[in-house]
Amino acid sequence: MQDTLANLKRGEKGIITDVSSTEIPLKLLEMGCLPGNEVELVQVAHHADPIYLNINGSHLAIRKETAVHILIEKVLHE
């Protein structure tokens, strides 16, 4: 099973591999949520939703119900 943005823990990074789901709003794609871009989980809201991400220097918040549709490959810690 492939990892998704929803599986990231605070401080973990990943590379977006697929955003082909129809569940992903066009606005997220326009804000840089595209294959090949690095993403880092910055913070999780009080009740675990939404999650706050850094995608190529841009900060955005998305709901976990959307994050499960964005596939990633986790970046191993150096």
Protein backbone atom coordinates (compact mmCIF):
# COMPACT_ATOMS: atom_id res chain seq x y z
CA MET A 1 0.00 0.00 0.00
CA GLN A 2 1.31 3.43 -0.94
CA ASP A 3 1.67 6.22 1.62
CA THR A 4 -0.59 9.26 1.52
CA LEU A 5 -0.32 12.75 2.97
CA ALA A 6 -2.67 11.60 5.73
CA ASN A 7 -0.02 9.09 6.91
CA LEU A 8 2.71 11.67 7.53
CA LYS A 9 3.73 12.44 11.09
CA ARG A 10 4.74 15.90 12.25
CA GLY A 11 8.12 16.83 10.78
CA GLU A 12 8.11 14.03 8.18
CA LYS A 13 8.63 14.79 4.51
CA GLY A 14 7.55 13.14 1.31
CA ILE A 15 7.52 13.59 -2.44
CA ILE A 16 4.09 13.77 -4.06
CA THR A 17 3.74 10.93 -6.57
CA ASP A 18 0.09 11.09 -7.66
CA VAL A 19 -2.79 13.55 -7.43
CA SER A 20 -5.06 12.00 -10.04
CA SER A 21 -8.07 11.48 -7.78
CA THR A 22 -11.19 13.47 -8.59
CA GLU A 23 -11.47 14.16 -4.84
CA ILE A 24 -8.62 16.70 -4.98
CA PRO A 25 -9.78 20.30 -5.49
CA LEU A 26 -8.23 22.19 -8.41
CA LYS A 27 -7.19 24.91 -5.96
CA LEU A 28 -4.72 22.52 -4.28
CA LEU A 29 -3.14 21.72 -7.62
CA GLU A 30 -2.83 25.42 -8.38
CA MET A 31 -1.11 25.95 -5.01
CA GLY A 32 1.64 23.46 -5.86
CA CYS A 33 0.23 20.14 -4.74
CA LEU A 34 1.70 18.41 -7.80
CA PRO A 35 3.74 15.26 -8.46
CA GLY A 36 7.45 15.77 -7.81
CA ASN A 37 6.98 18.48 -5.18
CA GLU A 38 8.26 17.96 -1.66
CA VAL A 39 5.79 18.19 1.19
CA GLU A 40 6.37 18.39 4.95
CA LEU A 41 3.77 17.99 7.69
CA VAL A 42 4.25 21.09 9.84
CA GLN A 43 1.39 20.80 12.32
CA VAL A 44 -1.79 18.92 13.08
CA ALA A 45 -4.84 20.79 14.37
CA HIS A 46 -6.18 20.13 17.86
CA HIS A 47 -8.62 17.41 16.77
CA ALA A 48 -6.28 16.00 14.08
CA ASP A 49 -8.02 17.87 11.27
CA PRO A 50 -6.97 19.82 9.27
CA ILE A 51 -3.28 19.18 8.75
CA TYR A 52 -0.86 22.00 7.95
CA LEU A 53 1.68 21.43 5.20
CA ASN A 54 4.69 23.10 3.67
CA ILE A 55 4.76 22.39 -0.07
CA ASN A 56 7.79 23.92 -1.79
CA GLY A 57 7.77 26.87 0.61
CA SER A 58 4.00 27.45 0.56
CA HIS A 59 1.97 26.73 3.67
CA LEU A 60 -1.52 25.35 3.36
CA ALA A 61 -4.07 23.46 5.40
CA ILE A 62 -6.08 20.54 4.06
CA ARG A 63 -8.55 18.13 5.56
CA LYS A 64 -7.51 14.53 6.13
CA GLU A 65 -10.39 13.39 3.91
CA THR A 66 -8.58 15.12 1.02
CA ALA A 67 -5.06 14.15 2.16
CA VAL A 68 -5.84 10.43 1.83
CA HIS A 69 -6.16 10.91 -1.95
CA ILE A 70 -2.68 12.46 -2.40
CA LEU A 71 -0.07 9.73 -2.79
CA ILE A 72 3.49 10.28 -1.60
CA GLU A 73 6.81 8.56 -1.21
CA LYS A 74 8.26 9.29 2.21
CA VAL A 75 11.69 10.90 2.35
CA LEU A 76 13.99 9.00 4.66
CA HIS A 77 15.71 11.00 7.39
CA GLU A 78 19.30 11.87 6.58
